[in-house]
Amino acid sequence: MRRLAAAALAVLSLAGCGVRPTGVVYAGDAPVATAPVSPRSQVYFLLRGMPSPVGRATSPWDAQLVFDDLVRGPTPEERAKGLTTELGGIKQLAVRDIGGRALIIDTIPPVPKLAPAAYAQIYCTGLMLAGRPVMRLSFPYPVHREPMCSSNAPPPVPSPSTDAR
């Protein structure tokens, strides 16, 4: 046991041989964060009748603010580029968060039926929310086929009273 302890002490004392103290070594400036201050969200307007994503400064974690941006419609500059909306008669998309991973979306005022292009705008915008919550739309909407969006998330769950299937 003494031999093992002596050998360990000898190895430890020789381990620092040849290494000289250097003092402070300058390694350059500290790293600087280059990411945006807050994440951006995407809303979908229509370009030649197809859903087209547009960035907004709103956080994708605040579903109500994202849908408020959607209802506001394209800016004058975006309209000049050909972007349109089918949500003109809707004053608000009221979002109720249930359980953190699911949203119920109501139109204000209530709509008797939603046009396919308007549904595509809501559906695609909901797909781009942070955390990709399940959406339950509390109004009638077309169910012929899901709109083409830049995401493959599951479709919203229809309300039993408005399920058109």
Protein backbone atom coordinates (compact mmCIF):
# COMPACT_ATOMS: atom_id res chain seq x y z
CA MET A 1 0.00 0.00 0.00
CA ARG A 2 2.89 2.33 0.84
CA ARG A 3 4.47 1.63 -2.51
CA LEU A 4 1.24 2.52 -4.31
CA ALA A 5 0.93 5.78 -2.36
CA ALA A 6 4.58 6.66 -3.08
CA ALA A 7 4.14 5.92 -6.80
CA ALA A 8 1.01 8.07 -6.96
CA LEU A 9 2.84 10.93 -5.20
CA ALA A 10 5.79 10.65 -7.64
CA VAL A 11 3.47 10.70 -10.66
CA LEU A 12 1.60 13.72 -9.34
CA SER A 13 4.79 15.66 -8.60
CA LEU A 14 6.17 14.98 -12.10
CA ALA A 15 2.87 15.77 -13.85
CA GLY A 16 3.54 19.52 -13.86
CA CYS A 17 7.12 19.33 -15.19
CA GLY A 18 7.72 21.51 -18.22
CA VAL A 19 4.65 23.69 -17.69
CA ARG A 20 5.50 27.27 -16.88
CA PRO A 21 3.03 29.82 -15.54
CA THR A 22 1.96 32.26 -18.25
CA GLY A 23 -0.10 34.85 -16.43
CA VAL A 24 -3.19 36.37 -18.05
CA VAL A 25 -3.71 35.51 -21.71
CA TYR A 26 -6.02 37.79 -23.76
CA ALA A 27 -8.57 35.71 -25.69
CA GLY A 28 -10.52 38.47 -27.47
CA ASP A 29 -13.82 40.20 -26.84
CA ALA A 30 -16.68 38.45 -25.11
CA PRO A 31 -19.28 36.87 -27.44
CA VAL A 32 -22.24 39.04 -28.41
CA ALA A 33 -25.73 37.63 -28.95
CA THR A 34 -26.94 38.21 -32.49
CA ALA A 35 -30.41 36.65 -32.32
CA PRO A 36 -33.48 38.89 -32.49
CA VAL A 37 -34.75 40.28 -29.21
CA SER A 38 -37.96 38.28 -29.50
CA PRO A 39 -39.11 35.59 -31.89
CA ARG A 40 -41.36 36.55 -34.78
CA SER A 41 -44.65 34.97 -35.69
CA GLN A 42 -46.14 34.19 -39.08
CA VAL A 43 -49.64 34.89 -40.29
CA TYR A 44 -51.08 33.69 -43.58
CA PHE A 45 -52.65 35.97 -46.16
CA LEU A 46 -53.65 34.99 -49.67
CA LEU A 47 -51.48 35.41 -52.73
CA ARG A 48 -53.37 34.48 -55.92
CA GLY A 49 -55.83 32.59 -53.69
CA MET A 50 -53.17 30.46 -51.94
CA PRO A 51 -52.06 30.81 -48.28
CA SER A 52 -48.80 32.75 -48.12
CA PRO A 53 -46.79 33.32 -44.88
CA VAL A 54 -45.93 36.84 -43.75
CA GLY A 55 -43.76 37.68 -40.74
CA ARG A 56 -45.00 39.76 -37.84
CA ALA A 57 -43.15 41.14 -34.80
CA THR A 58 -45.61 39.43 -32.44
CA SER A 59 -44.35 36.54 -30.31
CA PRO A 60 -45.57 33.15 -31.60
CA TRP A 61 -46.25 32.19 -27.97
CA ASP A 62 -49.17 34.66 -27.70
CA ALA A 63 -51.89 33.08 -29.84
CA GLN A 64 -54.40 35.89 -29.31
CA LEU A 65 -51.97 38.57 -30.53
CA VAL A 66 -50.99 36.45 -33.54
CA PHE A 67 -54.63 36.00 -34.57
CA ASP A 68 -55.21 39.74 -33.96
CA ASP A 69 -52.43 40.39 -36.49
CA LEU A 70 -54.14 38.02 -38.92
CA VAL A 71 -57.51 39.79 -38.60
CA ARG A 72 -55.87 43.20 -39.15
CA GLY A 73 -55.02 42.00 -42.63
CA PRO A 74 -52.15 42.85 -44.93
CA THR A 75 -50.40 46.21 -44.68
CA PRO A 76 -50.71 48.64 -47.61
CA GLU A 77 -47.25 47.51 -48.79
CA GLU A 78 -48.32 43.85 -48.65
CA ARG A 79 -51.54 44.65 -50.53
CA ALA A 80 -49.43 46.36 -53.21
CA LYS A 81 -47.57 43.03 -53.58
CA GLY A 82 -50.87 41.22 -54.18
CA LEU A 83 -51.63 39.85 -50.69
CA THR A 84 -55.31 39.74 -49.72
CA THR A 85 -57.51 38.35 -46.96
CA GLU A 86 -60.89 36.62 -46.81
CA LEU A 87 -61.40 37.56 -43.14
CA GLY A 88 -62.86 41.01 -43.90
CA GLY A 89 -66.19 40.45 -42.12
CA ILE A 90 -64.54 39.08 -38.97
CA LYS A 91 -63.74 41.66 -36.28
CA GLN A 92 -61.87 39.24 -33.99
CA LEU A 93 -60.76 35.65 -33.68
CA ALA A 94 -61.25 35.04 -29.96
CA VAL A 95 -58.75 32.50 -28.67
CA ARG A 96 -59.38 30.48 -25.51
CA ASP A 97 -56.46 28.43 -24.24
CA ILE A 98 -57.52 25.17 -22.61
CA GLY A 99 -54.82 23.17 -20.95
CA GLY A 100 -51.81 24.84 -22.55
CA ARG A 101 -51.78 22.64 -25.69
CA ALA A 102 -55.26 23.24 -27.07
CA LEU A 103 -57.04 26.34 -28.35
CA ILE A 104 -60.69 27.04 -29.06
CA ILE A 105 -61.11 29.70 -31.73
CA ASP A 106 -64.35 31.66 -32.12
CA THR A 107 -65.19 34.35 -34.67
CA ILE A 108 -66.63 37.67 -33.57
CA PRO A 109 -69.20 38.19 -34.92
CA PRO A 110 -70.17 34.53 -35.36
CA VAL A 111 -70.12 33.45 -38.99
CA PRO A 112 -72.75 31.15 -40.51
CA LYS A 113 -70.12 29.48 -42.72
CA LEU A 114 -66.45 30.13 -43.39
CA ALA A 115 -65.07 30.39 -46.93
CA PRO A 116 -62.34 27.86 -47.76
CA ALA A 117 -59.72 30.59 -48.23
CA ALA A 118 -60.60 32.17 -44.86
CA TYR A 119 -60.35 28.76 -43.20
CA ALA A 120 -56.93 28.26 -44.82
CA GLN A 121 -55.69 31.55 -43.36
CA ILE A 122 -56.78 30.58 -39.84
CA TYR A 123 -55.61 26.98 -40.12
CA CYS A 124 -52.16 27.81 -41.52
CA THR A 125 -51.59 30.63 -39.03
CA GLY A 126 -52.49 28.27 -36.18
CA LEU A 127 -49.96 25.72 -37.43
CA MET A 128 -47.17 28.27 -37.02
CA LEU A 129 -47.91 29.05 -33.37
CA ALA A 130 -45.17 28.09 -30.94
CA GLY A 131 -45.78 24.65 -29.45
CA ARG A 132 -48.21 23.80 -32.27
CA PRO A 133 -51.35 23.60 -30.17
CA VAL A 134 -54.38 21.58 -31.21
CA MET A 135 -57.03 23.95 -32.57
CA ARG A 136 -60.73 23.48 -32.19
CA LEU A 137 -62.69 25.80 -34.42
CA SER A 138 -66.14 26.59 -33.06
CA PHE A 139 -67.62 27.57 -36.43
CA PRO A 140 -68.51 25.66 -39.62
CA TYR A 141 -65.64 25.27 -42.05
CA PRO A 142 -64.97 23.33 -45.22
CA VAL A 143 -63.47 19.88 -44.74
CA HIS A 144 -62.95 18.76 -48.34
CA ARG A 145 -59.19 18.77 -47.88
CA GLU A 146 -56.69 20.49 -45.67
CA PRO A 147 -55.06 23.62 -47.10
CA MET A 148 -51.48 23.52 -48.31
CA CYS A 149 -49.36 25.16 -45.62
CA SER A 150 -45.67 25.03 -44.87
CA SER A 151 -46.27 22.54 -42.06
CA ASN A 152 -47.55 18.99 -41.49
CA ALA A 153 -49.23 19.44 -38.10
CA PRO A 154 -52.50 17.61 -37.40
CA PRO A 155 -55.70 19.39 -38.51
CA PRO A 156 -57.91 21.21 -36.02
CA VAL A 157 -60.56 19.21 -34.20
CA PRO A 158 -64.06 20.17 -35.41
CA SER A 159 -66.75 21.03 -32.96
CA PRO A 160 -69.42 18.26 -32.74
CA SER A 161 -72.14 20.79 -33.60
CA THR A 162 -70.33 22.07 -36.69
CA ASP A 163 -68.75 18.92 -38.04
CA ALA A 164 -69.71 18.96 -41.72
CA ARG A 165 -68.46 15.45 -42.47
